[in-house]
Amino acid sequence: MKLMNSLSNETILKSYKQQGFDKRQLEFLEKCLNEGINVTKFARKEYDVSKLKLLSSACKKGLDITLADNLEFTTDQMRHVISGLELGVDVSIYALPKYRATQMTVIKRVLHEGLDLDFFLDENVPFTDLWYEYTQLSNAKRRGANAA
């Protein structure tokens, strides 16, 4: 079985090499294959190794990376989508390239805390305003919970 797996892995890596993956990408994908990770879910030559690492880690955790696997995302945006998946929030609300990573941070927290989302979905609102509004709502919610 191990021999068959090695041959399959070699075939997969050869295919990626022919597609133009660089040496670092190929080395990382080989490591993933040796760990039994299905790299076909996220192997794209447009992704640098840091993005490949994020996606492979999410796959290891059994997360559905469909919404995180977006060529338009920066590494930080991808990271926020994956961490939202880990938290169990509905990442489809913010897994869009129009949101900067800093905005994703706030939206993810708002979702996780169950706060009113309306204000936070305008991608034109500056981060400082988003953060201020989030802290006000979050603190008010905590004060209300402590008063009960």
N, C-alpha and C. Protein backbone atom coordinates (compact mmCIF):
# COMPACT_ATOMS: atom_id res chain seq x y z
N MET A 1 0.83 -1.19 0.00
CA MET A 1 0.00 0.00 0.00
C MET A 1 0.87 1.26 0.00
N LYS A 2 1.93 1.26 0.79
CA LYS A 2 2.82 2.42 0.87
C LYS A 2 3.43 2.71 -0.50
N LEU A 3 3.84 1.67 -1.23
CA LEU A 3 4.41 1.84 -2.56
C LEU A 3 3.39 2.48 -3.49
N MET A 4 2.16 2.01 -3.43
CA MET A 4 1.10 2.56 -4.28
C MET A 4 0.87 4.03 -3.95
N ASN A 5 0.86 4.37 -2.66
CA ASN A 5 0.68 5.74 -2.23
C ASN A 5 1.81 6.63 -2.74
N SER A 6 3.05 6.14 -2.66
CA SER A 6 4.20 6.91 -3.14
C SER A 6 4.11 7.16 -4.63
N LEU A 7 3.68 6.14 -5.37
CA LEU A 7 3.54 6.32 -6.81
C LEU A 7 2.45 7.34 -7.12
N SER A 8 1.36 7.27 -6.40
CA SER A 8 0.28 8.23 -6.61
C SER A 8 0.74 9.64 -6.27
N ASN A 9 1.45 9.77 -5.15
CA ASN A 9 1.95 11.08 -4.75
C ASN A 9 2.93 11.63 -5.78
N GLU A 10 3.79 10.78 -6.28
CA GLU A 10 4.75 11.21 -7.31
C GLU A 10 4.03 11.69 -8.56
N THR A 11 2.98 10.99 -8.94
CA THR A 11 2.20 11.36 -10.12
C THR A 11 1.54 12.72 -9.91
N ILE A 12 0.97 12.91 -8.73
CA ILE A 12 0.31 14.18 -8.41
C ILE A 12 1.33 15.32 -8.44
N LEU A 13 2.48 15.11 -7.80
CA LEU A 13 3.51 16.15 -7.77
C LEU A 13 4.05 16.46 -9.17
N LYS A 14 4.21 15.43 -9.97
CA LYS A 14 4.67 15.63 -11.35
C LYS A 14 3.67 16.50 -12.11
N SER A 15 2.40 16.25 -11.89
CA SER A 15 1.36 17.04 -12.54
C SER A 15 1.45 18.50 -12.12
N TYR A 16 1.64 18.74 -10.81
CA TYR A 16 1.76 20.11 -10.33
C TYR A 16 3.01 20.80 -10.87
N LYS A 17 4.08 20.05 -10.98
CA LYS A 17 5.32 20.62 -11.53
C LYS A 17 5.09 21.05 -12.98
N GLN A 18 4.39 20.22 -13.72
CA GLN A 18 4.09 20.55 -15.12
C GLN A 18 3.18 21.77 -15.24
N GLN A 19 2.38 22.01 -14.21
CA GLN A 19 1.48 23.16 -14.21
C GLN A 19 2.20 24.46 -13.83
N GLY A 20 3.46 24.33 -13.38
CA GLY A 20 4.24 25.53 -13.08
C GLY A 20 4.37 25.87 -11.61
N PHE A 21 4.04 24.95 -10.72
CA PHE A 21 4.25 25.19 -9.29
C PHE A 21 5.74 25.34 -9.03
N ASP A 22 6.11 26.23 -8.09
CA ASP A 22 7.53 26.42 -7.80
C ASP A 22 8.03 25.38 -6.80
N LYS A 23 9.33 25.41 -6.54
CA LYS A 23 9.97 24.40 -5.69
C LYS A 23 9.39 24.39 -4.27
N ARG A 24 9.22 25.57 -3.68
CA ARG A 24 8.68 25.64 -2.31
C ARG A 24 7.26 25.10 -2.25
N GLN A 25 6.45 25.44 -3.23
CA GLN A 25 5.08 24.93 -3.27
C GLN A 25 5.09 23.41 -3.37
N LEU A 26 5.92 22.90 -4.28
CA LEU A 26 5.99 21.44 -4.48
C LEU A 26 6.46 20.72 -3.21
N GLU A 27 7.44 21.29 -2.54
CA GLU A 27 7.93 20.68 -1.30
C GLU A 27 6.83 20.65 -0.24
N PHE A 28 6.10 21.75 -0.14
CA PHE A 28 5.02 21.78 0.84
C PHE A 28 3.91 20.79 0.48
N LEU A 29 3.54 20.75 -0.79
CA LEU A 29 2.49 19.82 -1.21
C LEU A 29 2.91 18.37 -1.00
N GLU A 30 4.19 18.09 -1.22
CA GLU A 30 4.70 16.74 -0.97
C GLU A 30 4.56 16.38 0.52
N LYS A 31 4.89 17.33 1.37
CA LYS A 31 4.74 17.12 2.82
C LYS A 31 3.28 16.82 3.15
N CYS A 32 2.37 17.59 2.58
CA CYS A 32 0.94 17.37 2.82
C CYS A 32 0.50 15.99 2.34
N LEU A 33 0.92 15.64 1.15
CA LEU A 33 0.56 14.33 0.61
C LEU A 33 1.07 13.21 1.51
N ASN A 34 2.28 13.36 2.01
CA ASN A 34 2.85 12.35 2.90
C ASN A 34 2.08 12.25 4.22
N GLU A 35 1.40 13.35 4.59
CA GLU A 35 0.57 13.35 5.81
C GLU A 35 -0.85 12.87 5.52
N GLY A 36 -1.11 12.56 4.26
CA GLY A 36 -2.44 12.06 3.89
C GLY A 36 -3.47 13.13 3.63
N ILE A 37 -3.03 14.37 3.41
CA ILE A 37 -3.95 15.48 3.14
C ILE A 37 -4.29 15.51 1.66
N ASN A 38 -5.56 15.67 1.36
CA ASN A 38 -6.01 15.77 -0.03
C ASN A 38 -5.72 17.18 -0.55
N VAL A 39 -4.59 17.33 -1.21
CA VAL A 39 -4.16 18.65 -1.66
C VAL A 39 -4.96 19.18 -2.85
N THR A 40 -5.70 18.29 -3.51
CA THR A 40 -6.48 18.75 -4.66
C THR A 40 -7.55 19.75 -4.26
N LYS A 41 -7.87 19.81 -2.97
CA LYS A 41 -8.87 20.76 -2.49
C LYS A 41 -8.36 22.20 -2.51
N PHE A 42 -7.03 22.40 -2.46
CA PHE A 42 -6.51 23.76 -2.32
C PHE A 42 -5.24 24.06 -3.12
N ALA A 43 -4.68 23.11 -3.81
CA ALA A 43 -3.43 23.34 -4.53
C ALA A 43 -3.67 24.20 -5.76
N ARG A 44 -3.21 25.42 -5.68
CA ARG A 44 -3.27 26.35 -6.81
C ARG A 44 -1.91 27.03 -6.92
N LYS A 45 -1.40 27.09 -8.12
CA LYS A 45 -0.06 27.67 -8.27
C LYS A 45 -0.05 29.16 -7.93
N GLU A 46 -1.22 29.80 -7.92
CA GLU A 46 -1.30 31.22 -7.57
C GLU A 46 -1.12 31.45 -6.07
N TYR A 47 -1.26 30.41 -5.27
CA TYR A 47 -1.11 30.54 -3.83
C TYR A 47 0.34 30.37 -3.42
N ASP A 48 0.82 31.30 -2.59
CA ASP A 48 2.14 31.11 -2.03
C ASP A 48 2.04 30.08 -0.90
N VAL A 49 3.18 29.70 -0.35
CA VAL A 49 3.20 28.64 0.65
C VAL A 49 2.41 29.03 1.90
N SER A 50 2.39 30.31 2.27
CA SER A 50 1.64 30.70 3.47
C SER A 50 0.15 30.43 3.30
N LYS A 51 -0.39 30.70 2.12
CA LYS A 51 -1.80 30.41 1.87
C LYS A 51 -2.04 28.90 1.80
N LEU A 52 -1.12 28.18 1.19
CA LEU A 52 -1.24 26.72 1.15
C LEU A 52 -1.24 26.15 2.56
N LYS A 53 -0.41 26.70 3.44
CA LYS A 53 -0.35 26.23 4.83
C LYS A 53 -1.68 26.49 5.55
N LEU A 54 -2.25 27.67 5.35
CA LEU A 54 -3.52 27.98 5.99
C LEU A 54 -4.61 27.00 5.56
N LEU A 55 -4.69 26.78 4.26
CA LEU A 55 -5.72 25.90 3.73
C LEU A 55 -5.50 24.45 4.13
N SER A 56 -4.26 24.00 4.13
CA SER A 56 -4.00 22.61 4.52
C SER A 56 -4.31 22.40 5.99
N SER A 57 -3.98 23.38 6.82
CA SER A 57 -4.29 23.29 8.25
C SER A 57 -5.79 23.21 8.47
N ALA A 58 -6.54 24.00 7.74
CA ALA A 58 -8.00 23.96 7.85
C ALA A 58 -8.54 22.61 7.41
N CYS A 59 -7.96 22.06 6.35
CA CYS A 59 -8.38 20.73 5.89
C CYS A 59 -8.10 19.67 6.95
N LYS A 60 -6.95 19.76 7.60
CA LYS A 60 -6.60 18.82 8.67
C LYS A 60 -7.63 18.85 9.78
N LYS A 61 -8.20 20.03 10.03
CA LYS A 61 -9.19 20.20 11.09
C LYS A 61 -10.60 19.80 10.64
N GLY A 62 -10.70 19.40 9.37
CA GLY A 62 -11.99 18.97 8.85
C GLY A 62 -12.92 20.10 8.46
N LEU A 63 -12.36 21.31 8.28
CA LEU A 63 -13.18 22.46 7.91
C LEU A 63 -13.46 22.47 6.41
N ASP A 64 -14.62 22.97 6.04
CA ASP A 64 -14.97 23.14 4.63
C ASP A 64 -14.33 24.45 4.17
N ILE A 65 -13.30 24.34 3.34
CA ILE A 65 -12.52 25.53 2.97
C ILE A 65 -13.06 26.25 1.73
N THR A 66 -14.22 25.85 1.26
CA THR A 66 -14.77 26.41 0.03
C THR A 66 -14.76 27.94 0.02
N LEU A 67 -15.22 28.56 1.10
CA LEU A 67 -15.30 30.03 1.14
C LEU A 67 -13.95 30.69 1.39
N ALA A 68 -13.01 29.96 1.95
CA ALA A 68 -11.67 30.50 2.20
C ALA A 68 -10.79 30.41 0.95
N ASP A 69 -11.12 29.50 0.07
CA ASP A 69 -10.33 29.25 -1.13
C ASP A 69 -10.71 30.24 -2.22
N ASN A 70 -10.17 31.44 -2.10
CA ASN A 70 -10.50 32.52 -3.02
C ASN A 70 -9.21 33.19 -3.47
N LEU A 71 -8.96 33.16 -4.76
CA LEU A 71 -7.71 33.72 -5.31
C LEU A 71 -7.57 35.22 -5.04
N GLU A 72 -8.68 35.90 -4.80
CA GLU A 72 -8.62 37.34 -4.56
C GLU A 72 -8.27 37.70 -3.12
N PHE A 73 -8.30 36.74 -2.22
CA PHE A 73 -8.02 37.02 -0.81
C PHE A 73 -6.53 37.22 -0.56
N THR A 74 -6.24 38.15 0.33
CA THR A 74 -4.88 38.25 0.88
C THR A 74 -4.74 37.11 1.89
N THR A 75 -3.54 36.89 2.36
CA THR A 75 -3.32 35.87 3.38
C THR A 75 -4.12 36.19 4.63
N ASP A 76 -4.16 37.45 5.04
CA ASP A 76 -4.91 37.83 6.24
C ASP A 76 -6.41 37.62 6.07
N GLN A 77 -6.95 37.95 4.89
CA GLN A 77 -8.37 37.71 4.66
C GLN A 77 -8.68 36.22 4.77
N MET A 78 -7.83 35.41 4.15
CA MET A 78 -8.02 33.96 4.20
C MET A 78 -7.96 33.47 5.65
N ARG A 79 -7.03 34.01 6.40
CA ARG A 79 -6.88 33.63 7.82
C ARG A 79 -8.16 33.94 8.60
N HIS A 80 -8.77 35.11 8.34
CA HIS A 80 -9.99 35.48 9.06
C HIS A 80 -11.18 34.62 8.67
N VAL A 81 -11.25 34.22 7.44
CA VAL A 81 -12.32 33.31 7.04
C VAL A 81 -12.15 31.96 7.74
N ILE A 82 -10.94 31.45 7.75
CA ILE A 82 -10.68 30.16 8.39
C ILE A 82 -10.93 30.24 9.90
N SER A 83 -10.49 31.31 10.54
CA SER A 83 -10.73 31.41 11.98
C SER A 83 -12.22 31.55 12.28
N GLY A 84 -12.96 32.17 11.37
CA GLY A 84 -14.42 32.24 11.52
C GLY A 84 -15.05 30.85 11.41
N LEU A 85 -14.53 30.05 10.49
CA LEU A 85 -15.00 28.66 10.39
C LEU A 85 -14.73 27.91 11.69
N GLU A 86 -13.56 28.14 12.26
CA GLU A 86 -13.21 27.49 13.53
C GLU A 86 -14.15 27.92 14.66
N LEU A 87 -14.57 29.18 14.63
CA LEU A 87 -15.49 29.70 15.66
C LEU A 87 -16.93 29.24 15.43
N GLY A 88 -17.20 28.81 14.21
CA GLY A 88 -18.56 28.37 13.89
C GLY A 88 -19.49 29.48 13.46
N VAL A 89 -18.94 30.63 13.07
CA VAL A 89 -19.80 31.72 12.60
C VAL A 89 -20.07 31.55 11.10
N ASP A 90 -21.10 32.24 10.63
CA ASP A 90 -21.47 32.17 9.22
C ASP A 90 -20.53 33.06 8.41
N VAL A 91 -19.44 32.49 7.94
CA VAL A 91 -18.43 33.27 7.23
C VAL A 91 -18.91 33.74 5.87
N SER A 92 -19.98 33.18 5.35
CA SER A 92 -20.48 33.61 4.05
C SER A 92 -20.87 35.09 4.08
N ILE A 93 -21.12 35.61 5.27
CA ILE A 93 -21.49 37.02 5.42
C ILE A 93 -20.32 37.94 5.10
N TYR A 94 -19.10 37.52 5.43
CA TYR A 94 -17.95 38.40 5.22
C TYR A 94 -16.84 37.80 4.34
N ALA A 95 -17.01 36.61 3.86
CA ALA A 95 -15.97 35.98 3.02
C ALA A 95 -16.05 36.54 1.60
N LEU A 96 -15.82 37.81 1.51
CA LEU A 96 -15.88 38.52 0.23
C LEU A 96 -14.66 39.42 0.11
N PRO A 97 -14.02 39.44 -1.05
CA PRO A 97 -12.82 40.26 -1.22
C PRO A 97 -13.04 41.75 -0.96
N LYS A 98 -14.28 42.23 -1.04
CA LYS A 98 -14.54 43.65 -0.81
C LYS A 98 -14.25 44.07 0.63
N TYR A 99 -14.25 43.11 1.56
CA TYR A 99 -13.94 43.44 2.95
C TYR A 99 -12.44 43.29 3.20
N ARG A 100 -11.84 44.33 3.75
CA ARG A 100 -10.44 44.25 4.15
C ARG A 100 -10.32 43.30 5.34
N ALA A 101 -9.13 42.81 5.58
CA ALA A 101 -8.90 41.87 6.69
C ALA A 101 -9.30 42.49 8.02
N THR A 102 -9.03 43.77 8.20
CA THR A 102 -9.39 44.43 9.46
C THR A 102 -10.91 44.45 9.65
N GLN A 103 -11.64 44.66 8.55
CA GLN A 103 -13.10 44.64 8.64
C GLN A 103 -13.59 43.23 8.96
N MET A 104 -12.95 42.24 8.36
CA MET A 104 -13.33 40.86 8.63
C MET A 104 -13.16 40.53 10.12
N THR A 105 -12.12 41.07 10.72
CA THR A 105 -11.88 40.85 12.15
C THR A 105 -13.09 41.30 12.96
N VAL A 106 -13.56 42.49 12.67
CA VAL A 106 -14.67 43.06 13.43
C VAL A 106 -15.96 42.30 13.13
N ILE A 107 -16.24 42.04 11.86
CA ILE A 107 -17.47 41.33 11.50
C ILE A 107 -17.50 39.95 12.16
N LYS A 108 -16.37 39.27 12.14
CA LYS A 108 -16.28 37.94 12.78
C LYS A 108 -16.61 38.03 14.26
N ARG A 109 -16.08 39.04 14.94
CA ARG A 109 -16.35 39.22 16.38
C ARG A 109 -17.82 39.54 16.62
N VAL A 110 -18.38 40.40 15.77
CA VAL A 110 -19.80 40.76 15.89
C VAL A 110 -20.67 39.51 15.74
N LEU A 111 -20.36 38.71 14.76
CA LEU A 111 -21.11 37.46 14.56
C LEU A 111 -20.96 36.53 15.75
N HIS A 112 -19.74 36.38 16.21
CA HIS A 112 -19.46 35.47 17.32
C HIS A 112 -20.20 35.89 18.60
N GLU A 113 -20.32 37.20 18.81
CA GLU A 113 -20.99 37.70 20.01
C GLU A 113 -22.50 37.88 19.82
N GLY A 114 -22.98 37.65 18.59
CA GLY A 114 -24.41 37.77 18.34
C GLY A 114 -24.93 39.21 18.38
N LEU A 115 -24.08 40.15 18.00
CA LEU A 115 -24.46 41.56 18.00
C LEU A 115 -25.16 41.92 16.69
N ASP A 116 -25.83 43.08 16.67
CA ASP A 116 -26.50 43.55 15.46
C ASP A 116 -25.47 43.86 14.38
N LEU A 117 -25.66 43.30 13.23
CA LEU A 117 -24.64 43.31 12.18
C LEU A 117 -24.74 44.47 11.19
N ASP A 118 -25.88 45.10 11.08
CA ASP A 118 -26.15 46.06 10.00
C ASP A 118 -25.03 47.07 9.74
N PHE A 119 -24.61 47.77 10.76
CA PHE A 119 -23.61 48.84 10.61
C PHE A 119 -22.30 48.31 10.04
N PHE A 120 -21.96 47.08 10.34
CA PHE A 120 -20.63 46.54 10.05
C PHE A 120 -20.44 46.03 8.63
N LEU A 121 -21.51 45.95 7.86
CA LEU A 121 -21.42 45.38 6.52
C LEU A 121 -21.15 46.40 5.43
N ASP A 122 -20.98 47.65 5.79
CA ASP A 122 -20.62 48.68 4.82
C ASP A 122 -19.10 48.71 4.70
N GLU A 123 -18.59 48.25 3.56
CA GLU A 123 -17.13 48.16 3.39
C GLU A 123 -16.44 49.52 3.34
N ASN A 124 -17.22 50.59 3.26
CA ASN A 124 -16.63 51.93 3.20
C ASN A 124 -16.42 52.58 4.57
N VAL A 125 -16.93 51.95 5.60
CA VAL A 125 -16.76 52.50 6.95
C VAL A 125 -15.32 52.24 7.40
N PRO A 126 -14.63 53.27 7.88
CA PRO A 126 -13.25 53.08 8.33
C PRO A 126 -13.16 52.10 9.51
N PHE A 127 -12.05 51.40 9.58
CA PHE A 127 -11.85 50.42 10.64
C PHE A 127 -12.02 51.02 12.03
N THR A 128 -11.49 52.22 12.23
CA THR A 128 -11.60 52.84 13.56
C THR A 128 -13.06 53.02 13.97
N ASP A 129 -13.91 53.37 13.03
CA ASP A 129 -15.34 53.52 13.32
C ASP A 129 -15.97 52.15 13.61
N LEU A 130 -15.59 51.16 12.83
CA LEU A 130 -16.11 49.81 13.06
C LEU A 130 -15.71 49.31 14.45
N TRP A 131 -14.44 49.51 14.78
CA TRP A 131 -13.93 49.02 16.07
C TRP A 131 -14.61 49.76 17.23
N TYR A 132 -14.78 51.06 17.09
CA TYR A 132 -15.45 51.84 18.14
C TYR A 132 -16.87 51.32 18.35
N GLU A 133 -17.61 51.17 17.28
CA GLU A 133 -19.00 50.70 17.37
C GLU A 133 -19.06 49.30 17.96
N TYR A 134 -18.15 48.44 17.52
CA TYR A 134 -18.10 47.07 18.07
C TYR A 134 -17.86 47.10 19.58
N THR A 135 -16.87 47.85 20.03
CA THR A 135 -16.56 47.87 21.46
C THR A 135 -17.73 48.43 22.26
N GLN A 136 -18.42 49.44 21.71
CA GLN A 136 -19.59 50.00 22.41
C GLN A 136 -20.69 48.94 22.55
N LEU A 137 -21.01 48.26 21.47
CA LEU A 137 -22.05 47.23 21.52
C LEU A 137 -21.66 46.06 22.41
N SER A 138 -20.42 45.64 22.28
CA SER A 138 -19.94 44.50 23.05
C SER A 138 -19.95 44.80 24.54
N ASN A 139 -19.47 45.99 24.90
CA ASN A 139 -19.47 46.39 26.31
C ASN A 139 -20.89 46.53 26.86
N ALA A 140 -21.78 47.08 26.06
CA ALA A 140 -23.18 47.22 26.49
C ALA A 140 -23.80 45.85 26.72
N LYS A 141 -23.50 44.92 25.85
CA LYS A 141 -24.04 43.56 25.99
C LYS A 141 -23.50 42.92 27.27
N ARG A 142 -22.22 43.10 27.53
CA ARG A 142 -21.61 42.53 28.75
C ARG A 142 -22.21 43.16 30.01
N ARG A 143 -22.37 44.47 29.96
CA ARG A 143 -22.98 45.16 31.13
C ARG A 143 -24.38 44.64 31.37
N GLY A 144 -25.13 44.43 30.29
CA GLY A 144 -26.48 43.90 30.42
C GLY A 144 -26.50 42.49 30.97
N ALA A 145 -25.54 41.68 30.55
CA ALA A 145 -25.45 40.31 31.05
C ALA A 145 -25.04 40.28 32.52
N ASN A 146 -24.18 41.22 32.90
CA ASN A 146 -23.72 41.28 34.30
C ASN A 146 -24.83 41.81 35.22
N ALA A 147 -25.71 42.64 34.68
CA ALA A 147 -26.79 43.21 35.49
C ALA A 147 -27.88 42.17 35.78
N ALA A 148 -27.98 41.18 34.91
CA ALA A 148 -29.06 40.18 35.05
C ALA A 148 -28.84 39.22 36.17
